[in-house]
Amino acid sequence: MRVAVAVTPKSGKDAVMGWVVDANGERELSVKVTAAPEKGKATKAVCKLLAAFFGVPKSSVECVRGDLSRHKMIEIPISQEQLEEAVGRL
């Protein structure tokens, strides 16, 4: 499933924070990573963090849009129910 993600790079910790609403009123998953937003480091850190958070292999999580943006679309091999359940536990 594709998940809209809002990334905060150069944060003090790597963490999935929960849902936020963007300027268009759409939900995005807020994610903080310690990696800097240079040469794709933050994007790789986001994919690694989300793989661990959802318990899926790192190789199965990929950025399908927004490699160089703070607003990304990430493909994660989980169902809508699994997504809501995992984020709901935050």
PDB file of N, CA and C in Angstrom:
ATOM      1  N   MET A   1       0.833  -1.165   0.000  1.00  0.00           N
ATOM      2  CA  MET A   1       0.000   0.000   0.000  1.00  0.00           C
ATOM      3  C   MET A   1       0.883   1.236   0.000  1.00  0.00           C
ATOM      4  N   ARG A   2       0.399   2.301  -0.604  1.00  0.00           N
ATOM      5  CA  ARG A   2       1.144   3.553  -0.652  1.00  0.00           C
ATOM      6  C   ARG A   2       0.710   4.461   0.486  1.00  0.00           C
ATOM      7  N   VAL A   3       1.718   5.018   1.160  1.00  0.00           N
ATOM      8  CA  VAL A   3       1.472   5.861   2.326  1.00  0.00           C
ATOM      9  C   VAL A   3       2.158   7.209   2.113  1.00  0.00           C
ATOM     10  N   ALA A   4       1.409   8.297   2.280  1.00  0.00           N
ATOM     11  CA  ALA A   4       1.988   9.639   2.227  1.00  0.00           C
ATOM     12  C   ALA A   4       2.740   9.873   3.531  1.00  0.00           C
ATOM     13  N   VAL A   5       3.972  10.371   3.405  1.00  0.00           N
ATOM     14  CA  VAL A   5       4.836  10.552   4.563  1.00  0.00           C
ATOM     15  C   VAL A   5       5.395  11.972   4.584  1.00  0.00           C
ATOM     16  N   ALA A   6       5.330  12.617   5.732  1.00  0.00           N
ATOM     17  CA  ALA A   6       5.946  13.929   5.954  1.00  0.00           C
ATOM     18  C   ALA A   6       7.206  13.700   6.782  1.00  0.00           C
ATOM     19  N   VAL A   7       8.358  14.074   6.229  1.00  0.00           N
ATOM     20  CA  VAL A   7       9.641  13.768   6.856  1.00  0.00           C
ATOM     21  C   VAL A   7      10.261  15.006   7.496  1.00  0.00           C
ATOM     22  N   THR A   8      10.773  14.830   8.707  1.00  0.00           N
ATOM     23  CA  THR A   8      11.578  15.847   9.368  1.00  0.00           C
ATOM     24  C   THR A   8      13.000  15.300   9.454  1.00  0.00           C
ATOM     25  N   PRO A   9      13.904  15.775   8.579  1.00  0.00           N
ATOM     26  CA  PRO A   9      15.291  15.304   8.621  1.00  0.00           C
ATOM     27  C   PRO A   9      16.083  16.021   9.715  1.00  0.00           C
ATOM     28  N   LYS A  10      17.263  15.502  10.009  1.00  0.00           N
ATOM     29  CA  LYS A  10      18.175  16.075  11.004  1.00  0.00           C
ATOM     30  C   LYS A  10      17.492  16.251  12.357  1.00  0.00           C
ATOM     31  N   SER A  11      16.665  15.295  12.709  1.00  0.00           N
ATOM     32  CA  SER A  11      15.980  15.310  13.999  1.00  0.00           C
ATOM     33  C   SER A  11      16.895  14.714  15.062  1.00  0.00           C
ATOM     34  N   GLY A  12      16.499  14.822  16.296  1.00  0.00           N
ATOM     35  CA  GLY A  12      17.287  14.257  17.385  1.00  0.00           C
ATOM     36  C   GLY A  12      17.164  12.752  17.506  1.00  0.00           C
ATOM     37  N   LYS A  13      16.139  12.177  16.849  1.00  0.00           N
ATOM     38  CA  LYS A  13      15.931  10.725  16.929  1.00  0.00           C
ATOM     39  C   LYS A  13      15.183  10.251  15.681  1.00  0.00           C
ATOM     40  N   ASP A  14      15.247   8.946  15.443  1.00  0.00           N
ATOM     41  CA  ASP A  14      14.456   8.318  14.390  1.00  0.00           C
ATOM     42  C   ASP A  14      13.161   7.853  15.030  1.00  0.00           C
ATOM     43  N   ALA A  15      12.015   8.320  14.513  1.00  0.00           N
ATOM     44  CA  ALA A  15      10.747   7.937  15.124  1.00  0.00           C
ATOM     45  C   ALA A  15       9.583   8.147  14.171  1.00  0.00           C
ATOM     46  N   VAL A  16       8.595   7.262  14.279  1.00  0.00           N
ATOM     47  CA  VAL A  16       7.313   7.443  13.606  1.00  0.00           C
ATOM     48  C   VAL A  16       6.434   8.165  14.619  1.00  0.00           C
ATOM     49  N   MET A  17       5.921   9.335  14.239  1.00  0.00           N
ATOM     50  CA  MET A  17       5.226  10.196  15.194  1.00  0.00           C
ATOM     51  C   MET A  17       3.702  10.039  15.173  1.00  0.00           C
ATOM     52  N   GLY A  18       3.139   9.638  14.045  1.00  0.00           N
ATOM     53  CA  GLY A  18       1.688   9.523  13.942  1.00  0.00           C
ATOM     54  C   GLY A  18       1.167  10.326  12.767  1.00  0.00           C
ATOM     55  N   TRP A  19      -0.136  10.460  12.702  1.00  0.00           N
ATOM     56  CA  TRP A  19      -0.771  11.150  11.582  1.00  0.00           C
ATOM     57  C   TRP A  19      -0.746  12.668  11.767  1.00  0.00           C
ATOM     58  N   VAL A  20      -0.534  13.385  10.656  1.00  0.00           N
ATOM     59  CA  VAL A  20      -0.677  14.844  10.590  1.00  0.00           C
ATOM     60  C   VAL A  20      -1.515  15.147   9.352  1.00  0.00           C
ATOM     61  N   VAL A  21      -2.074  16.346   9.295  1.00  0.00           N
ATOM     62  CA  VAL A  21      -2.869  16.760   8.144  1.00  0.00           C
ATOM     63  C   VAL A  21      -2.079  17.809   7.382  1.00  0.00           C
ATOM     64  N   ASP A  22      -1.910  17.597   6.054  1.00  0.00           N
ATOM     65  CA  ASP A  22      -1.143  18.539   5.246  1.00  0.00           C
ATOM     66  C   ASP A  22      -1.999  19.746   4.853  1.00  0.00           C
ATOM     67  N   ALA A  23      -1.435  20.643   4.077  1.00  0.00           N
ATOM     68  CA  ALA A  23      -2.120  21.880   3.679  1.00  0.00           C
ATOM     69  C   ALA A  23      -3.369  21.616   2.846  1.00  0.00           C
ATOM     70  N   ASN A  24      -3.430  20.458   2.197  1.00  0.00           N
ATOM     71  CA  ASN A  24      -4.590  20.102   1.364  1.00  0.00           C
ATOM     72  C   ASN A  24      -5.648  19.313   2.141  1.00  0.00           C
ATOM     73  N   GLY A  25      -5.417  19.121   3.433  1.00  0.00           N
ATOM     74  CA  GLY A  25      -6.360  18.372   4.245  1.00  0.00           C
ATOM     75  C   GLY A  25      -6.191  16.866   4.171  1.00  0.00           C
ATOM     76  N   GLU A  26      -5.103  16.411   3.575  1.00  0.00           N
ATOM     77  CA  GLU A  26      -4.821  14.974   3.448  1.00  0.00           C
ATOM     78  C   GLU A  26      -3.961  14.506   4.619  1.00  0.00           C
ATOM     79  N   ARG A  27      -4.170  13.253   5.032  1.00  0.00           N
ATOM     80  CA  ARG A  27      -3.361  12.663   6.105  1.00  0.00           C
ATOM     81  C   ARG A  27      -2.000  12.239   5.579  1.00  0.00           C
ATOM     82  N   GLU A  28      -0.975  12.514   6.392  1.00  0.00           N
ATOM     83  CA  GLU A  28       0.374  12.036   6.119  1.00  0.00           C
ATOM     84  C   GLU A  28       0.920  11.431   7.410  1.00  0.00           C
ATOM     85  N   LEU A  29       1.755  10.436   7.262  1.00  0.00           N
ATOM     86  CA  LEU A  29       2.416   9.837   8.405  1.00  0.00           C
ATOM     87  C   LEU A  29       3.655  10.670   8.714  1.00  0.00           C
ATOM     88  N   SER A  30       3.740  11.231   9.899  1.00  0.00           N
ATOM     89  CA  SER A  30       4.877  12.062  10.292  1.00  0.00           C
ATOM     90  C   SER A  30       6.013  11.163  10.763  1.00  0.00           C
ATOM     91  N   VAL A  31       7.193  11.369  10.157  1.00  0.00           N
ATOM     92  CA  VAL A  31       8.370  10.562  10.468  1.00  0.00           C
ATOM     93  C   VAL A  31       9.557  11.495  10.690  1.00  0.00           C
ATOM     94  N   LYS A  32      10.317  11.244  11.764  1.00  0.00           N
ATOM     95  CA  LYS A  32      11.535  12.002  12.034  1.00  0.00           C
ATOM     96  C   LYS A  32      12.733  11.074  11.862  1.00  0.00           C
ATOM     97  N   VAL A  33      13.783  11.593  11.198  1.00  0.00           N
ATOM     98  CA  VAL A  33      15.014  10.823  11.032  1.00  0.00           C
ATOM     99  C   VAL A  33      16.214  11.712  11.352  1.00  0.00           C
ATOM    100  N   THR A  34      17.276  11.100  11.844  1.00  0.00           N
ATOM    101  CA  THR A  34      18.485  11.846  12.181  1.00  0.00           C
ATOM    102  C   THR A  34      19.319  12.154  10.947  1.00  0.00           C
ATOM    103  N   ALA A  35      19.095  11.451   9.859  1.00  0.00           N
ATOM    104  CA  ALA A  35      19.877  11.633   8.638  1.00  0.00           C
ATOM    105  C   ALA A  35      19.630  13.010   8.022  1.00  0.00           C
ATOM    106  N   ALA A  36      20.670  13.518   7.389  1.00  0.00           N
ATOM    107  CA  ALA A  36      20.581  14.809   6.697  1.00  0.00           C
ATOM    108  C   ALA A  36      19.900  14.620   5.337  1.00  0.00           C
ATOM    109  N   PRO A  37      19.238  15.671   4.848  1.00  0.00           N
ATOM    110  CA  PRO A  37      18.561  15.564   3.556  1.00  0.00           C
ATOM    111  C   PRO A  37      19.523  15.805   2.392  1.00  0.00           C
ATOM    112  N   GLU A  38      20.514  14.959   2.275  1.00  0.00           N
ATOM    113  CA  GLU A  38      21.486  15.100   1.194  1.00  0.00           C
ATOM    114  C   GLU A  38      21.776  13.746   0.570  1.00  0.00           C
ATOM    115  N   LYS A  39      21.812  13.738  -0.749  1.00  0.00           N
ATOM    116  CA  LYS A  39      22.146  12.530  -1.522  1.00  0.00           C
ATOM    117  C   LYS A  39      21.273  11.333  -1.167  1.00  0.00           C
ATOM    118  N   GLY A  40      20.010  11.572  -0.804  1.00  0.00           N
ATOM    119  CA  GLY A  40      19.079  10.486  -0.530  1.00  0.00           C
ATOM    120  C   GLY A  40      19.226   9.817   0.826  1.00  0.00           C
ATOM    121  N   LYS A  41      20.074  10.366   1.686  1.00  0.00           N
ATOM    122  CA  LYS A  41      20.296   9.738   3.002  1.00  0.00           C
ATOM    123  C   LYS A  41      19.022   9.724   3.841  1.00  0.00           C
ATOM    124  N   ALA A  42      18.282  10.820   3.843  1.00  0.00           N
ATOM    125  CA  ALA A  42      17.053  10.873   4.640  1.00  0.00           C
ATOM    126  C   ALA A  42      16.011   9.900   4.098  1.00  0.00           C
ATOM    127  N   THR A  43      15.900   9.792   2.782  1.00  0.00           N
ATOM    128  CA  THR A  43      14.940   8.868   2.170  1.00  0.00           C
ATOM    129  C   THR A  43      15.274   7.436   2.542  1.00  0.00           C
ATOM    130  N   LYS A  44      16.541   7.072   2.487  1.00  0.00           N
ATOM    131  CA  LYS A  44      16.955   5.720   2.871  1.00  0.00           C
ATOM    132  C   LYS A  44      16.650   5.466   4.340  1.00  0.00           C
ATOM    133  N   ALA A  45      16.881   6.465   5.182  1.00  0.00           N
ATOM    134  CA  ALA A  45      16.609   6.323   6.613  1.00  0.00           C
ATOM    135  C   ALA A  45      15.114   6.145   6.869  1.00  0.00           C
ATOM    136  N   VAL A  46      14.283   6.863   6.119  1.00  0.00           N
ATOM    137  CA  VAL A  46      12.832   6.730   6.256  1.00  0.00           C
ATOM    138  C   VAL A  46      12.396   5.314   5.893  1.00  0.00           C
ATOM    139  N   CYS A  47      12.883   4.808   4.783  1.00  0.00           N
ATOM    140  CA  CYS A  47      12.510   3.453   4.343  1.00  0.00           C
ATOM    141  C   CYS A  47      12.951   2.412   5.366  1.00  0.00           C
ATOM    142  N   LYS A  48      14.153   2.563   5.892  1.00  0.00           N
ATOM    143  CA  LYS A  48      14.661   1.626   6.899  1.00  0.00           C
ATOM    144  C   LYS A  48      13.812   1.693   8.172  1.00  0.00           C
ATOM    145  N   LEU A  49      13.485   2.895   8.613  1.00  0.00           N
ATOM    146  CA  LEU A  49      12.678   3.076   9.816  1.00  0.00           C
ATOM    147  C   LEU A  49      11.285   2.481   9.647  1.00  0.00           C
ATOM    148  N   LEU A  50      10.649   2.759   8.512  1.00  0.00           N
ATOM    149  CA  LEU A  50       9.297   2.233   8.280  1.00  0.00           C
ATOM    150  C   LEU A  50       9.294   0.715   8.152  1.00  0.00           C
ATOM    151  N   ALA A  51      10.336   0.148   7.560  1.00  0.00           N
ATOM    152  CA  ALA A  51      10.437  -1.315   7.467  1.00  0.00           C
ATOM    153  C   ALA A  51      10.485  -1.925   8.869  1.00  0.00           C
ATOM    154  N   ALA A  52      11.287  -1.335   9.743  1.00  0.00           N
ATOM    155  CA  ALA A  52      11.384  -1.844  11.115  1.00  0.00           C
ATOM    156  C   ALA A  52      10.068  -1.633  11.861  1.00  0.00           C
ATOM    157  N   PHE A  53       9.455  -0.477  11.698  1.00  0.00           N
ATOM    158  CA  PHE A  53       8.214  -0.151  12.396  1.00  0.00           C
ATOM    159  C   PHE A  53       7.087  -1.112  12.026  1.00  0.00           C
ATOM    160  N   PHE A  54       6.982  -1.437  10.728  1.00  0.00           N
ATOM    161  CA  PHE A  54       5.906  -2.319  10.268  1.00  0.00           C
ATOM    162  C   PHE A  54       6.309  -3.785  10.205  1.00  0.00           C
ATOM    163  N   GLY A  55       7.567  -4.098  10.522  1.00  0.00           N
ATOM    164  CA  GLY A  55       8.023  -5.488  10.560  1.00  0.00           C
ATOM    165  C   GLY A  55       8.097  -6.158   9.206  1.00  0.00           C
ATOM    166  N   VAL A  56       8.564  -5.414   8.206  1.00  0.00           N
ATOM    167  CA  VAL A  56       8.723  -5.964   6.862  1.00  0.00           C
ATOM    168  C   VAL A  56      10.189  -5.815   6.448  1.00  0.00           C
ATOM    169  N   PRO A  57      10.640  -6.577   5.443  1.00  0.00           N
ATOM    170  CA  PRO A  57      12.029  -6.457   4.995  1.00  0.00           C
ATOM    171  C   PRO A  57      12.327  -5.059   4.430  1.00  0.00           C
ATOM    172  N   LYS A  58      13.547  -4.566   4.695  1.00  0.00           N
ATOM    173  CA  LYS A  58      13.957  -3.256   4.178  1.00  0.00           C
ATOM    174  C   LYS A  58      13.831  -3.180   2.665  1.00  0.00           C
ATOM    175  N   SER A  59      14.146  -4.284   2.008  1.00  0.00           N
ATOM    176  CA  SER A  59      14.133  -4.296   0.539  1.00  0.00           C
ATOM    177  C   SER A  59      12.725  -4.174  -0.041  1.00  0.00           C
ATOM    178  N   SER A  60      11.695  -4.365   0.770  1.00  0.00           N
ATOM    179  CA  SER A  60      10.322  -4.305   0.262  1.00  0.00           C
ATOM    180  C   SER A  60       9.692  -2.919   0.429  1.00  0.00           C
ATOM    181  N   VAL A  61      10.406  -1.987   1.061  1.00  0.00           N
ATOM    182  CA  VAL A  61       9.896  -0.624   1.261  1.00  0.00           C
ATOM    183  C   VAL A  61      10.638   0.300   0.300  1.00  0.00           C
ATOM    184  N   GLU A  62       9.875   1.059  -0.485  1.00  0.00           N
ATOM    185  CA  GLU A  62      10.541   1.956  -1.432  1.00  0.00           C
ATOM    186  C   GLU A  62       9.805   3.279  -1.575  1.00  0.00           C
ATOM    187  N   CYS A  63      10.577   4.302  -1.897  1.00  0.00           N
ATOM    188  CA  CYS A  63      10.021   5.629  -2.142  1.00  0.00           C
ATOM    189  C   CYS A  63       9.608   5.685  -3.612  1.00  0.00           C
ATOM    190  N   VAL A  64       8.321   5.914  -3.867  1.00  0.00           N
ATOM    191  CA  VAL A  64       7.825   5.950  -5.245  1.00  0.00           C
ATOM    192  C   VAL A  64       7.638   7.383  -5.743  1.00  0.00           C
ATOM    193  N   ARG A  65       7.668   8.353  -4.822  1.00  0.00           N
ATOM    194  CA  ARG A  65       7.567   9.760  -5.222  1.00  0.00           C
ATOM    195  C   ARG A  65       8.141  10.637  -4.116  1.00  0.00           C
ATOM    196  N   GLY A  66       8.886  11.669  -4.518  1.00  0.00           N
ATOM    197  CA  GLY A  66       9.392  12.637  -3.555  1.00  0.00           C
ATOM    198  C   GLY A  66      10.748  12.319  -2.968  1.00  0.00           C
ATOM    199  N   ASP A  67      11.618  11.676  -3.731  1.00  0.00           N
ATOM    200  CA  ASP A  67      12.950  11.333  -3.224  1.00  0.00           C
ATOM    201  C   ASP A  67      13.671  12.516  -2.585  1.00  0.00           C
ATOM    202  N   LEU A  68      13.521  13.696  -3.175  1.00  0.00           N
ATOM    203  CA  LEU A  68      14.238  14.870  -2.684  1.00  0.00           C
ATOM    204  C   LEU A  68      13.328  15.863  -1.967  1.00  0.00           C
ATOM    205  N   SER A  69      12.149  15.406  -1.583  1.00  0.00           N
ATOM    206  CA  SER A  69      11.159  16.265  -0.934  1.00  0.00           C
ATOM    207  C   SER A  69      10.912  15.795   0.495  1.00  0.00           C
ATOM    208  N   ARG A  70      10.389  16.684   1.321  1.00  0.00           N
ATOM    209  CA  ARG A  70       9.989  16.294   2.676  1.00  0.00           C
ATOM    210  C   ARG A  70       8.666  15.541   2.657  1.00  0.00           C
ATOM    211  N   HIS A  71       7.938  15.658   1.557  1.00  0.00           N
ATOM    212  CA  HIS A  71       6.656  14.959   1.404  1.00  0.00           C
ATOM    213  C   HIS A  71       6.858  13.837   0.391  1.00  0.00           C
ATOM    214  N   LYS A  72       6.777  12.609   0.866  1.00  0.00           N
ATOM    215  CA  LYS A  72       7.085  11.438   0.053  1.00  0.00           C
ATOM    216  C   LYS A  72       5.886  10.505  -0.029  1.00  0.00           C
ATOM    217  N   MET A  73       5.893   9.656  -1.032  1.00  0.00           N
ATOM    218  CA  MET A  73       4.936   8.565  -1.144  1.00  0.00           C
ATOM    219  C   MET A  73       5.764   7.287  -1.045  1.00  0.00           C
ATOM    220  N   ILE A  74       5.493   6.505  -0.015  1.00  0.00           N
ATOM    221  CA  ILE A  74       6.265   5.299   0.267  1.00  0.00           C
ATOM    222  C   ILE A  74       5.387   4.074   0.051  1.00  0.00           C
ATOM    223  N   GLU A  75       5.919   3.090  -0.667  1.00  0.00           N
ATOM    224  CA  GLU A  75       5.237   1.815  -0.895  1.00  0.00           C
ATOM    225  C   GLU A  75       5.682   0.838   0.190  1.00  0.00           C
ATOM    226  N   ILE A  76       4.696   0.313   0.941  1.00  0.00           N
ATOM    227  CA  ILE A  76       4.965  -0.627   2.030  1.00  0.00           C
ATOM    228  C   ILE A  76       4.038  -1.833   1.845  1.00  0.00           C
ATOM    229  N   PRO A  77       4.571  -3.054   1.896  1.00  0.00           N
ATOM    230  CA  PRO A  77       3.730  -4.242   1.676  1.00  0.00           C
ATOM    231  C   PRO A  77       2.892  -4.624   2.900  1.00  0.00           C
ATOM    232  N   ILE A  78       1.914  -3.767   3.232  1.00  0.00           N
ATOM    233  CA  ILE A  78       0.999  -4.031   4.337  1.00  0.00           C
ATOM    234  C   ILE A  78      -0.405  -3.653   3.897  1.00  0.00           C
ATOM    235  N   SER A  79      -1.390  -4.097   4.663  1.00  0.00           N
ATOM    236  CA  SER A  79      -2.779  -3.744   4.358  1.00  0.00           C
ATOM    237  C   SER A  79      -3.158  -2.454   5.086  1.00  0.00           C
ATOM    238  N   GLN A  80      -4.282  -1.889   4.709  1.00  0.00           N
ATOM    239  CA  GLN A  80      -4.801  -0.680   5.374  1.00  0.00           C
ATOM    240  C   GLN A  80      -5.032  -0.959   6.859  1.00  0.00           C
ATOM    241  N   GLU A  81      -5.547  -2.143   7.164  1.00  0.00           N
ATOM    242  CA  GLU A  81      -5.810  -2.511   8.546  1.00  0.00           C
ATOM    243  C   GLU A  81      -4.516  -2.575   9.362  1.00  0.00           C
ATOM    244  N   GLN A  82      -3.472  -3.164   8.782  1.00  0.00           N
ATOM    245  CA  GLN A  82      -2.185  -3.260   9.468  1.00  0.00           C
ATOM    246  C   GLN A  82      -1.607  -1.861   9.711  1.00  0.00           C
ATOM    247  N   LEU A  83      -1.759  -0.993   8.724  1.00  0.00           N
ATOM    248  CA  LEU A  83      -1.282   0.389   8.856  1.00  0.00           C
ATOM    249  C   LEU A  83      -1.984   1.096  10.005  1.00  0.00           C
ATOM    250  N   GLU A  84      -3.300   1.055  10.010  1.00  0.00           N
ATOM    251  CA  GLU A  84      -4.085   1.755  11.037  1.00  0.00           C
ATOM    252  C   GLU A  84      -3.795   1.181  12.427  1.00  0.00           C
ATOM    253  N   GLU A  85      -3.667  -0.137  12.513  1.00  0.00           N
ATOM    254  CA  GLU A  85      -3.398  -0.778  13.800  1.00  0.00           C
ATOM    255  C   GLU A  85      -2.033  -0.359  14.352  1.00  0.00           C
ATOM    256  N   ALA A  86      -0.999  -0.383  13.506  1.00  0.00           N
ATOM    257  CA  ALA A  86       0.347  -0.039  13.949  1.00  0.00           C
ATOM    258  C   ALA A  86       0.445   1.431  14.354  1.00  0.00           C
ATOM    259  N   VAL A  87      -0.109   2.325  13.556  1.00  0.00           N
ATOM    260  CA  VAL A  87      -0.036   3.753  13.863  1.00  0.00           C
ATOM    261  C   VAL A  87      -0.934   4.079  15.050  1.00  0.00           C
ATOM    262  N   GLY A  88      -2.019   3.360  15.203  1.00  0.00           N
ATOM    263  CA  GLY A  88      -2.923   3.576  16.323  1.00  0.00           C
ATOM    264  C   GLY A  88      -2.293   3.259  17.666  1.00  0.00           C
ATOM    265  N   ARG A  89      -1.257   2.439  17.679  1.00  0.00           N
ATOM    266  CA  ARG A  89      -0.581   2.089  18.935  1.00  0.00           C
ATOM    267  C   ARG A  89       0.372   3.167  19.428  1.00  0.00           C
ATOM    268  N   LEU A  90       0.595   4.199  18.632  1.00  0.00           N
ATOM    269  CA  LEU A  90       1.542   5.262  19.026  1.00  0.00           C
ATOM    270  C   LEU A  90       0.982   6.115  20.149  1.00  0.00           C
TER     271      LEU A  90
END
